[in-house]
Amino acid sequence: KGYSKEIVMDIRAFSEDGEPAVLKDGGLQEYDFSFYSTEKNPIYIVDEWTDYPWGSTYPLRDYRATTIEKLSDLKADKFWVIASKDAKASEVLDPEKYDILTTIRNDHHLAIEYKVK
């Protein structure tokens, strides 16, 4: 069972419309998360962080519907990063470039809301 929906619903409870999320850890069931991407709250896979190890992820890579090349391609001042549950919020993104606004941790994921400095 994937646990993508749980963290996405938690993020949406705190998000503003249009606030995107990106996946930081390649082992996070990219395909599962793609089903929860909406116009109001898109979820992107960042190519520079993902190696697409499974055949099920190839369409995400090839058709580019929910994929960006690098984080700097994200056109948002505030956004969420979904990382593995064992990640440390202070180490996920460079604290010199991003302020942490909110963190949500459950049994399976860590979600961190960032603001660009």
Protein backbone atom coordinates (compact mmCIF):
# COMPACT_ATOMS: atom_id res chain seq x y z
CA LYS A 1 0.00 0.00 0.00
CA GLY A 2 1.25 3.46 -0.86
CA TYR A 3 0.81 6.24 1.64
CA SER A 4 0.92 9.14 -0.77
CA LYS A 5 -2.64 10.30 -0.16
CA GLU A 6 -2.10 10.80 3.58
CA ILE A 7 0.69 13.35 3.24
CA VAL A 8 -0.98 15.07 0.27
CA MET A 9 -4.18 15.59 2.29
CA ASP A 10 -2.13 16.90 5.21
CA ILE A 11 -0.34 19.37 2.92
CA ARG A 12 -3.60 20.57 1.37
CA ALA A 13 -4.98 21.35 4.83
CA PHE A 14 -2.21 23.97 5.18
CA SER A 15 -1.72 25.06 1.55
CA GLU A 16 -2.98 28.04 -0.34
CA ASP A 17 -4.50 27.51 -3.79
CA GLY A 18 -1.77 27.29 -6.38
CA GLU A 19 0.92 26.26 -3.90
CA PRO A 20 2.84 23.37 -5.46
CA ALA A 21 4.71 20.45 -3.96
CA VAL A 22 7.77 18.63 -5.24
CA LEU A 23 9.10 15.16 -4.46
CA LYS A 24 12.60 15.08 -3.00
CA ASP A 25 13.26 11.35 -2.55
CA GLY A 26 13.23 9.07 -5.59
CA GLY A 27 11.81 6.21 -3.54
CA LEU A 28 8.55 8.02 -2.88
CA GLN A 29 6.24 6.30 -5.35
CA GLU A 30 6.33 9.07 -7.96
CA TYR A 31 3.57 7.40 -9.92
CA ASP A 32 1.25 7.32 -6.89
CA PHE A 33 1.85 11.00 -6.15
CA SER A 34 1.09 11.98 -9.74
CA PHE A 35 -2.57 11.00 -9.21
CA TYR A 36 -2.94 13.66 -6.51
CA SER A 37 -1.57 16.54 -8.57
CA THR A 38 -4.27 19.14 -9.30
CA GLU A 39 -4.41 22.60 -10.82
CA LYS A 40 -4.97 24.06 -7.35
CA ASN A 41 -2.09 22.13 -5.79
CA PRO A 42 0.24 20.58 -8.38
CA ILE A 43 2.82 17.98 -7.39
CA TYR A 44 6.00 17.86 -9.45
CA ILE A 45 8.79 15.39 -9.90
CA VAL A 46 12.17 17.13 -10.14
CA ASP A 47 14.39 15.45 -12.73
CA GLU A 48 17.65 16.42 -11.03
CA TRP A 49 16.50 14.50 -7.92
CA THR A 50 14.98 11.47 -9.67
CA ASP A 51 16.53 8.56 -11.53
CA TYR A 52 13.26 6.87 -12.68
CA PRO A 53 14.35 3.37 -11.68
CA TRP A 54 11.07 1.60 -12.46
CA GLY A 55 9.22 1.14 -15.73
CA SER A 56 6.06 2.53 -14.16
CA THR A 57 7.78 5.91 -13.82
CA TYR A 58 8.87 6.15 -17.47
CA PRO A 59 5.60 7.78 -18.63
CA LEU A 60 6.07 10.48 -15.97
CA ARG A 61 9.54 11.18 -17.34
CA ASP A 62 8.62 10.87 -21.02
CA TYR A 63 5.33 12.80 -21.13
CA ARG A 64 6.43 15.53 -18.68
CA ALA A 65 2.94 16.31 -17.35
CA THR A 66 4.11 16.57 -13.73
CA THR A 67 7.86 16.93 -14.19
CA ILE A 68 10.29 19.85 -14.03
CA GLU A 69 14.00 19.73 -14.86
CA LYS A 70 15.25 21.40 -11.67
CA LEU A 71 13.83 23.09 -8.61
CA SER A 72 14.68 26.55 -9.97
CA ASP A 73 12.14 25.89 -12.77
CA LEU A 74 9.38 26.02 -10.17
CA LYS A 75 7.70 29.42 -10.45
CA ALA A 76 6.53 29.81 -6.86
CA ASP A 77 7.67 31.79 -3.84
CA LYS A 78 6.13 29.22 -1.48
CA PHE A 79 6.08 25.48 -2.05
CA TRP A 80 6.20 22.12 -0.29
CA VAL A 81 8.87 19.46 -0.50
CA ILE A 82 7.82 15.87 0.22
CA ALA A 83 10.74 13.84 1.55
CA SER A 84 11.24 10.50 3.23
CA LYS A 85 10.11 10.18 6.84
CA ASP A 86 13.72 9.99 8.04
CA ALA A 87 14.81 13.25 6.40
CA LYS A 88 15.82 16.21 8.56
CA ALA A 89 13.89 19.34 7.62
CA SER A 90 16.94 21.55 8.09
CA GLU A 91 18.92 19.48 5.56
CA VAL A 92 16.41 18.94 2.74
CA LEU A 93 17.01 22.31 1.04
CA ASP A 94 19.71 24.94 1.51
CA PRO A 95 18.74 27.13 4.50
CA GLU A 96 20.65 30.01 2.92
CA LYS A 97 18.12 30.08 0.06
CA TYR A 98 14.87 28.93 1.69
CA ASP A 99 13.01 29.58 4.95
CA ILE A 100 11.04 26.73 6.53
CA LEU A 101 7.46 27.80 7.22
CA THR A 102 5.72 24.55 8.21
CA THR A 103 6.66 20.92 8.70
CA ILE A 104 4.40 17.89 8.75
CA ARG A 105 5.70 14.43 9.61
CA ASN A 106 3.72 11.22 9.60
CA ASP A 107 4.76 7.56 9.74
CA HIS A 108 5.79 7.57 6.07
CA HIS A 109 6.79 11.06 4.90
CA LEU A 110 8.05 14.48 5.87
CA ALA A 111 6.52 17.52 4.17
CA ILE A 112 8.18 20.90 4.50
CA GLU A 113 6.70 24.19 3.35
CA TYR A 114 9.38 26.58 2.14
CA LYS A 115 9.52 30.24 1.19
CA VAL A 116 12.20 31.52 -1.14
CA LYS A 117 14.40 34.08 0.60
